[in-house]
Structure formats: structure tokens, C-alpha cells
């Protein structure tokens, strides 16, 4: 899918707890058209020591994303943690269903207008400890 317009990326990383959240927004004007999220959560962050400790819980959460138009979501279990990728096409997604998903921040106005504001998204993310990545160079977990 080719997306015209601009993009803005954000990261929240914790070397101690070993998690890495990367969000990229594609937008036109102030309207977000697509968002991609690449997350890595160590088993330590999830309060576990191995895959088997969290698999049921993670699979159940992942299942909520499946079969929602405009959303692609995939979970991969690795040696040290869980990797998740989510892609949301805001031109196709059902905003009411989106609001029910874990980790999604939408308000009544967003569900009504069916638009995500880039400016409001940036403000929300920076207030939650995310840093804007302007050079495409995300910090890596050590």
C-alpha cells in the first residue's frame, strides 16, 4: 500500500526492563491515515521468565485484533521476549471496534469524526514518555 503524505516516528525504550515500542504515523495535513507499531516486550517486562508463562495471555489479546477490517496484527515469540507488529489503516478501520482493543487510545470525538489528529497524537505520545525520532535512527536494546 503506497501512502502519500508525511510520516512521523516515535520510540519509547527501557534498557533496564527490556522493552522497545516504535510507532510510525503516516499523515496528510493533520489527519493520520496509517499507523504502524513494532513492539518488543521482554519476558521480564511481562512478569515472566519464558514463553509458556505468557503465551495464553498474549494469544488472547492478539486474537482481539484479528478479523477487524483495516488492522493487521502479528505476534512472534522469541528467545528473550515477544515481538508484535500492528498496522492500522485509518481510512478502513471501524473506530468503534478500534476503541475496544488493548492499548488503543481513542476518545468519543475521534470515534465520531473517524479521524486521528497527528498533532493530538504527538502530544499524547510525548506525554507518555515517547521520543520523536527525526533521523530514522531508533535506539536498540542492548
N, C-alpha and C. Protein backbone atom coordinates (compact mmCIF):
# COMPACT_ATOMS: atom_id res chain seq x y z
N UNK A 1 0.84 -1.18 0.00
CA UNK A 1 0.00 0.00 0.00
C UNK A 1 0.89 1.24 0.00
N UNK A 2 0.75 2.07 -0.98
CA UNK A 2 1.53 3.30 -1.06
C UNK A 2 0.79 4.39 -0.30
N UNK A 3 1.51 5.05 0.56
CA UNK A 3 0.90 6.12 1.36
C UNK A 3 1.55 7.43 0.96
N UNK A 4 0.72 8.38 0.53
CA UNK A 4 1.28 9.69 0.21
C UNK A 4 1.17 10.56 1.45
N UNK A 5 1.95 11.61 1.49
CA UNK A 5 1.95 12.48 2.65
C UNK A 5 3.24 12.35 3.42
N UNK A 6 3.17 12.67 4.70
CA UNK A 6 4.37 12.69 5.54
C UNK A 6 4.32 11.57 6.56
N UNK A 7 5.46 11.37 7.23
CA UNK A 7 5.47 10.38 8.31
C UNK A 7 6.24 10.92 9.50
N UNK A 8 5.87 10.43 10.68
CA UNK A 8 6.49 10.84 11.93
C UNK A 8 6.65 9.59 12.79
N UNK A 9 7.84 9.39 13.38
CA UNK A 9 8.10 8.20 14.18
C UNK A 9 8.42 8.56 15.63
N UNK A 10 8.07 7.63 16.52
CA UNK A 10 8.27 7.81 17.96
C UNK A 10 8.79 6.51 18.55
N UNK A 11 9.53 6.63 19.66
CA UNK A 11 10.03 5.44 20.35
C UNK A 11 9.98 5.65 21.85
N UNK A 12 9.66 4.56 22.52
CA UNK A 12 9.79 4.51 23.98
C UNK A 12 10.53 3.21 24.27
N UNK A 13 11.69 3.36 24.92
CA UNK A 13 12.55 2.19 25.15
C UNK A 13 13.02 2.21 26.60
N UNK A 14 13.17 1.03 27.17
CA UNK A 14 13.68 0.91 28.53
C UNK A 14 14.72 -0.21 28.55
N UNK A 15 15.99 0.17 28.69
CA UNK A 15 17.08 -0.82 28.67
C UNK A 15 17.02 -1.74 29.89
N UNK A 16 16.57 -1.21 31.03
CA UNK A 16 16.50 -2.00 32.25
C UNK A 16 15.41 -3.07 32.16
N UNK A 17 14.20 -2.65 31.81
CA UNK A 17 13.09 -3.60 31.71
C UNK A 17 13.08 -4.36 30.38
N UNK A 18 13.86 -3.86 29.42
CA UNK A 18 13.98 -4.52 28.12
C UNK A 18 12.66 -4.51 27.34
N UNK A 19 12.15 -3.31 27.07
CA UNK A 19 11.07 -3.19 26.11
C UNK A 19 11.37 -2.06 25.14
N UNK A 20 10.80 -2.18 23.95
CA UNK A 20 11.06 -1.23 22.87
C UNK A 20 9.77 -1.06 22.07
N UNK A 21 9.22 0.15 22.09
CA UNK A 21 7.98 0.45 21.37
C UNK A 21 8.30 1.48 20.29
N UNK A 22 7.95 1.16 19.04
CA UNK A 22 8.22 2.06 17.92
C UNK A 22 6.92 2.28 17.15
N UNK A 23 6.52 3.54 17.05
CA UNK A 23 5.29 3.88 16.33
C UNK A 23 5.64 4.81 15.18
N UNK A 24 5.08 4.53 14.01
CA UNK A 24 5.24 5.42 12.87
C UNK A 24 3.86 5.80 12.37
N UNK A 25 3.66 7.10 12.24
CA UNK A 25 2.39 7.64 11.76
C UNK A 25 2.58 8.19 10.36
N UNK A 26 1.64 7.88 9.49
CA UNK A 26 1.61 8.44 8.13
C UNK A 26 0.42 9.38 8.12
N UNK A 27 0.62 10.60 7.63
CA UNK A 27 -0.46 11.58 7.74
C UNK A 27 -0.44 12.57 6.59
N UNK A 28 -1.60 13.18 6.39
CA UNK A 28 -1.81 14.23 5.40
C UNK A 28 -2.47 15.38 6.13
N UNK A 29 -1.85 16.57 6.09
CA UNK A 29 -2.37 17.67 6.89
C UNK A 29 -2.24 17.29 8.35
N UNK A 30 -3.35 17.31 9.10
CA UNK A 30 -3.32 16.87 10.50
C UNK A 30 -4.02 15.52 10.67
N UNK A 31 -4.36 14.86 9.56
CA UNK A 31 -5.11 13.61 9.64
C UNK A 31 -4.20 12.41 9.42
N UNK A 32 -4.16 11.52 10.42
CA UNK A 32 -3.37 10.30 10.33
C UNK A 32 -4.12 9.32 9.43
N UNK A 33 -3.41 8.76 8.44
CA UNK A 33 -4.03 7.80 7.52
C UNK A 33 -3.64 6.37 7.86
N UNK A 34 -2.46 6.20 8.47
CA UNK A 34 -1.97 4.86 8.79
C UNK A 34 -1.01 4.95 9.97
N UNK A 35 -1.00 3.89 10.77
CA UNK A 35 -0.06 3.81 11.89
C UNK A 35 0.53 2.41 11.91
N UNK A 36 1.85 2.33 12.06
CA UNK A 36 2.49 1.03 12.26
C UNK A 36 3.15 1.04 13.63
N UNK A 37 3.05 -0.08 14.32
CA UNK A 37 3.65 -0.23 15.64
C UNK A 37 4.49 -1.50 15.64
N UNK A 38 5.73 -1.36 16.07
CA UNK A 38 6.62 -2.51 16.25
C UNK A 38 7.03 -2.50 17.72
N UNK A 39 6.64 -3.56 18.42
CA UNK A 39 6.90 -3.63 19.86
C UNK A 39 7.72 -4.86 20.19
N UNK A 40 8.58 -4.73 21.18
CA UNK A 40 9.26 -5.88 21.76
C UNK A 40 9.12 -5.76 23.27
N UNK A 41 8.61 -6.81 23.89
CA UNK A 41 8.46 -6.87 25.34
C UNK A 41 9.26 -8.07 25.83
N UNK A 42 10.23 -7.84 26.71
CA UNK A 42 10.96 -8.97 27.27
C UNK A 42 10.02 -9.75 28.19
N UNK A 43 10.34 -11.01 28.39
CA UNK A 43 9.52 -11.80 29.32
C UNK A 43 9.58 -11.19 30.71
N UNK A 44 10.72 -10.59 31.07
CA UNK A 44 10.88 -9.91 32.36
C UNK A 44 9.84 -8.79 32.51
N UNK A 45 9.68 -7.98 31.47
CA UNK A 45 8.70 -6.89 31.49
C UNK A 45 7.29 -7.43 31.70
N UNK A 46 7.03 -8.59 31.13
CA UNK A 46 5.70 -9.20 31.21
C UNK A 46 5.52 -10.02 32.49
N UNK A 47 6.51 -9.95 33.38
CA UNK A 47 6.42 -10.67 34.65
C UNK A 47 6.59 -12.16 34.51
N UNK A 48 7.42 -12.56 33.55
CA UNK A 48 7.59 -13.98 33.26
C UNK A 48 9.07 -14.29 33.01
N UNK A 49 9.36 -15.58 32.87
CA UNK A 49 10.73 -15.97 32.54
C UNK A 49 10.82 -16.68 31.20
N UNK A 50 9.66 -17.16 30.70
CA UNK A 50 9.68 -17.87 29.42
C UNK A 50 8.34 -17.74 28.70
N UNK A 51 8.35 -18.10 27.43
CA UNK A 51 7.19 -18.00 26.54
C UNK A 51 5.94 -18.64 27.14
N UNK A 52 6.09 -19.83 27.68
CA UNK A 52 4.93 -20.57 28.20
C UNK A 52 4.19 -19.81 29.30
N UNK A 53 4.91 -18.94 30.02
CA UNK A 53 4.29 -18.17 31.10
C UNK A 53 3.31 -17.12 30.60
N UNK A 54 3.50 -16.65 29.37
CA UNK A 54 2.68 -15.54 28.86
C UNK A 54 1.87 -15.88 27.60
N UNK A 55 2.14 -17.03 27.00
CA UNK A 55 1.55 -17.36 25.70
C UNK A 55 0.02 -17.27 25.69
N UNK A 56 -0.65 -17.84 26.66
CA UNK A 56 -2.12 -17.80 26.68
C UNK A 56 -2.64 -16.37 26.74
N UNK A 57 -2.05 -15.57 27.62
CA UNK A 57 -2.47 -14.17 27.80
C UNK A 57 -2.23 -13.35 26.52
N UNK A 58 -1.04 -13.51 25.92
CA UNK A 58 -0.69 -12.76 24.71
C UNK A 58 -1.56 -13.21 23.54
N UNK A 59 -1.73 -14.52 23.38
CA UNK A 59 -2.55 -15.03 22.27
C UNK A 59 -3.99 -14.54 22.37
N UNK A 60 -4.51 -14.46 23.59
CA UNK A 60 -5.88 -13.98 23.81
C UNK A 60 -6.00 -12.52 23.39
N UNK A 61 -5.02 -11.70 23.77
CA UNK A 61 -5.02 -10.28 23.39
C UNK A 61 -4.87 -10.14 21.87
N UNK A 62 -3.99 -10.94 21.28
CA UNK A 62 -3.76 -10.90 19.84
C UNK A 62 -5.03 -11.26 19.06
N UNK A 63 -5.77 -12.22 19.58
CA UNK A 63 -6.99 -12.67 18.91
C UNK A 63 -8.00 -11.53 18.75
N UNK A 64 -7.99 -10.58 19.67
CA UNK A 64 -8.93 -9.45 19.60
C UNK A 64 -8.70 -8.59 18.36
N UNK A 65 -7.47 -8.59 17.84
CA UNK A 65 -7.13 -7.77 16.68
C UNK A 65 -7.50 -8.43 15.35
N UNK A 66 -7.68 -9.74 15.38
CA UNK A 66 -7.91 -10.48 14.14
C UNK A 66 -9.31 -10.19 13.60
N UNK A 67 -9.43 -10.23 12.30
CA UNK A 67 -10.72 -10.06 11.61
C UNK A 67 -11.36 -8.69 11.81
N UNK A 68 -10.56 -7.67 12.12
CA UNK A 68 -11.09 -6.30 12.14
C UNK A 68 -10.56 -5.62 10.89
N UNK A 69 -11.48 -5.19 10.06
CA UNK A 69 -11.12 -4.54 8.80
C UNK A 69 -10.20 -3.35 9.07
N UNK A 70 -9.11 -3.27 8.29
CA UNK A 70 -8.18 -2.15 8.42
C UNK A 70 -7.06 -2.38 9.41
N UNK A 71 -7.04 -3.56 10.07
CA UNK A 71 -5.98 -3.85 11.05
C UNK A 71 -5.29 -5.17 10.70
N UNK A 72 -3.96 -5.13 10.72
CA UNK A 72 -3.15 -6.35 10.59
C UNK A 72 -2.31 -6.41 11.86
N UNK A 73 -2.31 -7.58 12.52
CA UNK A 73 -1.56 -7.73 13.76
C UNK A 73 -0.93 -9.10 13.80
N UNK A 74 0.33 -9.16 14.26
CA UNK A 74 1.05 -10.43 14.31
C UNK A 74 1.95 -10.46 15.54
N UNK A 75 1.96 -11.61 16.21
CA UNK A 75 2.82 -11.81 17.39
C UNK A 75 3.82 -12.91 17.06
N UNK A 76 5.08 -12.67 17.46
CA UNK A 76 6.14 -13.67 17.30
C UNK A 76 6.81 -13.85 18.65
N UNK A 77 6.97 -15.11 19.04
CA UNK A 77 7.66 -15.41 20.31
C UNK A 77 9.13 -15.66 20.01
N UNK A 78 9.99 -14.92 20.70
CA UNK A 78 11.42 -15.07 20.52
C UNK A 78 12.05 -15.59 21.80
N UNK A 79 13.34 -15.83 21.77
CA UNK A 79 14.03 -16.41 22.93
C UNK A 79 13.90 -15.54 24.18
N UNK A 80 14.02 -14.20 24.01
CA UNK A 80 14.02 -13.31 25.17
C UNK A 80 12.73 -12.54 25.39
N UNK A 81 11.77 -12.67 24.45
CA UNK A 81 10.54 -11.92 24.62
C UNK A 81 9.58 -12.06 23.46
N UNK A 82 8.62 -11.15 23.42
CA UNK A 82 7.54 -11.19 22.44
C UNK A 82 7.64 -9.98 21.53
N UNK A 83 7.54 -10.23 20.23
CA UNK A 83 7.55 -9.17 19.24
C UNK A 83 6.14 -9.07 18.65
N UNK A 84 5.64 -7.85 18.54
CA UNK A 84 4.30 -7.65 17.96
C UNK A 84 4.39 -6.55 16.91
N UNK A 85 3.72 -6.78 15.79
CA UNK A 85 3.59 -5.74 14.77
C UNK A 85 2.11 -5.49 14.54
N UNK A 86 1.75 -4.22 14.46
CA UNK A 86 0.37 -3.82 14.22
C UNK A 86 0.38 -2.75 13.13
N UNK A 87 -0.50 -2.91 12.16
CA UNK A 87 -0.67 -1.89 11.13
C UNK A 87 -2.15 -1.52 11.09
N UNK A 88 -2.43 -0.23 11.19
CA UNK A 88 -3.81 0.24 11.17
C UNK A 88 -3.99 1.21 10.01
N UNK A 89 -4.94 0.90 9.14
CA UNK A 89 -5.30 1.80 8.05
C UNK A 89 -6.55 2.56 8.52
N UNK A 90 -6.36 3.84 8.85
CA UNK A 90 -7.46 4.62 9.42
C UNK A 90 -8.53 4.99 8.41
N UNK A 91 -8.26 4.77 7.12
CA UNK A 91 -9.29 5.01 6.10
C UNK A 91 -10.28 3.85 6.03
N UNK A 92 -9.89 2.69 6.60
CA UNK A 92 -10.73 1.49 6.51
C UNK A 92 -11.23 0.97 7.85
N UNK A 93 -10.57 1.35 8.95
CA UNK A 93 -10.86 0.73 10.24
C UNK A 93 -12.21 1.19 10.82
N UNK A 94 -12.82 0.30 11.59
CA UNK A 94 -14.04 0.62 12.34
C UNK A 94 -13.59 1.22 13.67
N UNK A 95 -13.80 2.52 13.85
CA UNK A 95 -13.29 3.22 15.03
C UNK A 95 -13.92 2.72 16.33
N UNK A 96 -15.16 2.25 16.29
CA UNK A 96 -15.79 1.72 17.50
C UNK A 96 -15.11 0.42 17.93
N UNK A 97 -14.77 -0.43 16.96
CA UNK A 97 -14.06 -1.68 17.28
C UNK A 97 -12.63 -1.37 17.72
N UNK A 98 -12.01 -0.40 17.08
CA UNK A 98 -10.65 0.01 17.44
C UNK A 98 -10.58 0.41 18.91
N UNK A 99 -11.58 1.12 19.38
CA UNK A 99 -11.61 1.63 20.76
C UNK A 99 -11.64 0.50 21.79
N UNK A 100 -12.07 -0.70 21.40
CA UNK A 100 -12.17 -1.82 22.34
C UNK A 100 -10.86 -2.59 22.49
N UNK A 101 -9.87 -2.29 21.65
CA UNK A 101 -8.62 -3.05 21.66
C UNK A 101 -7.66 -2.58 22.75
N UNK A 102 -6.89 -3.53 23.32
CA UNK A 102 -5.93 -3.16 24.36
C UNK A 102 -4.87 -2.20 23.81
N UNK A 103 -4.57 -1.17 24.58
CA UNK A 103 -3.51 -0.23 24.20
C UNK A 103 -3.91 0.83 23.20
N UNK A 104 -5.18 0.89 22.82
CA UNK A 104 -5.62 1.90 21.86
C UNK A 104 -6.23 3.08 22.61
N UNK A 105 -5.77 4.26 22.26
CA UNK A 105 -6.30 5.48 22.89
C UNK A 105 -7.18 6.19 21.86
N UNK A 106 -8.48 6.11 22.04
CA UNK A 106 -9.39 6.90 21.20
C UNK A 106 -10.43 7.52 22.11
N UNK A 107 -10.87 8.70 21.76
CA UNK A 107 -11.91 9.33 22.56
C UNK A 107 -13.21 9.40 21.76
N UNK A 108 -14.25 9.90 22.40
CA UNK A 108 -15.56 9.99 21.77
C UNK A 108 -15.51 10.79 20.47
N UNK A 109 -14.80 11.91 20.49
CA UNK A 109 -14.71 12.76 19.30
C UNK A 109 -14.05 12.04 18.13
N UNK A 110 -13.01 11.27 18.43
CA UNK A 110 -12.32 10.50 17.39
C UNK A 110 -13.26 9.49 16.78
N UNK A 111 -14.01 8.78 17.62
CA UNK A 111 -14.94 7.77 17.10
C UNK A 111 -16.03 8.41 16.26
N UNK A 112 -16.43 9.61 16.65
CA UNK A 112 -17.48 10.32 15.91
C UNK A 112 -16.95 10.88 14.58
N UNK A 113 -15.81 11.54 14.64
CA UNK A 113 -15.25 12.19 13.44
C UNK A 113 -14.56 11.19 12.52
N UNK A 114 -14.19 10.02 13.06
CA UNK A 114 -13.46 8.99 12.32
C UNK A 114 -12.13 9.53 11.78
N UNK A 115 -11.51 10.39 12.58
CA UNK A 115 -10.22 10.97 12.21
C UNK A 115 -9.29 10.97 13.42
N UNK A 116 -8.02 10.72 13.16
CA UNK A 116 -6.99 10.79 14.18
C UNK A 116 -6.14 12.02 13.87
N UNK A 117 -5.99 12.89 14.85
CA UNK A 117 -5.19 14.11 14.68
C UNK A 117 -3.71 13.80 14.93
N UNK A 118 -2.85 14.18 14.00
CA UNK A 118 -1.41 13.98 14.17
C UNK A 118 -0.91 14.83 15.33
N UNK A 119 -1.37 16.06 15.42
CA UNK A 119 -0.94 16.97 16.49
C UNK A 119 -1.31 16.39 17.86
N UNK A 120 -2.56 15.94 18.00
CA UNK A 120 -3.01 15.36 19.28
C UNK A 120 -2.25 14.06 19.58
N UNK A 121 -1.97 13.26 18.55
CA UNK A 121 -1.23 12.01 18.74
C UNK A 121 0.17 12.30 19.25
N UNK A 122 0.83 13.28 18.65
CA UNK A 122 2.19 13.65 19.07
C UNK A 122 2.19 14.12 20.52
N UNK A 123 1.21 14.94 20.89
CA UNK A 123 1.11 15.44 22.27
C UNK A 123 0.90 14.28 23.25
N UNK A 124 0.01 13.36 22.89
CA UNK A 124 -0.27 12.21 23.75
C UNK A 124 0.98 11.36 23.93
N UNK A 125 1.66 11.05 22.83
CA UNK A 125 2.84 10.20 22.90
C UNK A 125 3.96 10.83 23.72
N UNK A 126 4.23 12.10 23.49
CA UNK A 126 5.31 12.75 24.25
C UNK A 126 4.94 12.83 25.74
N UNK A 127 3.66 12.98 26.05
CA UNK A 127 3.24 12.99 27.46
C UNK A 127 3.38 11.61 28.10
N UNK A 128 3.43 10.56 27.28
CA UNK A 128 3.57 9.19 27.78
C UNK A 128 5.03 8.71 27.73
N UNK A 129 5.96 9.65 27.48
CA UNK A 129 7.38 9.29 27.53
C UNK A 129 8.00 8.85 26.21
N UNK A 130 7.28 9.01 25.11
CA UNK A 130 7.85 8.67 23.80
C UNK A 130 8.71 9.82 23.30
N UNK A 131 9.78 9.49 22.57
CA UNK A 131 10.63 10.49 21.95
C UNK A 131 10.39 10.46 20.44
N UNK A 132 10.34 11.64 19.83
CA UNK A 132 10.21 11.69 18.38
C UNK A 132 11.55 11.30 17.76
N UNK A 133 11.50 10.47 16.74
CA UNK A 133 12.70 10.04 16.02
C UNK A 133 12.69 10.76 14.67
N UNK A 134 13.61 11.71 14.51
CA UNK A 134 13.59 12.53 13.30
C UNK A 134 14.57 12.06 12.24
N UNK A 135 15.56 11.25 12.64
CA UNK A 135 16.59 10.84 11.68
C UNK A 135 16.46 9.38 11.26
N UNK A 136 15.37 8.72 11.67
CA UNK A 136 15.16 7.31 11.32
C UNK A 136 16.01 6.34 12.13
N UNK A 137 16.78 6.86 13.09
CA UNK A 137 17.68 6.01 13.88
C UNK A 137 17.08 5.72 15.25
N UNK A 138 16.42 4.58 15.35
CA UNK A 138 15.84 4.14 16.62
C UNK A 138 16.95 3.59 17.51
N UNK A 139 16.83 3.83 18.80
CA UNK A 139 17.77 3.24 19.76
C UNK A 139 17.51 1.74 19.80
N UNK A 140 18.56 0.95 19.98
CA UNK A 140 18.41 -0.51 20.03
C UNK A 140 18.55 -1.00 21.47
N UNK A 141 17.85 -2.08 21.77
CA UNK A 141 18.02 -2.72 23.07
C UNK A 141 19.41 -3.33 23.13
N UNK A 142 20.04 -3.24 24.29
CA UNK A 142 21.40 -3.79 24.46
C UNK A 142 21.33 -5.12 25.19
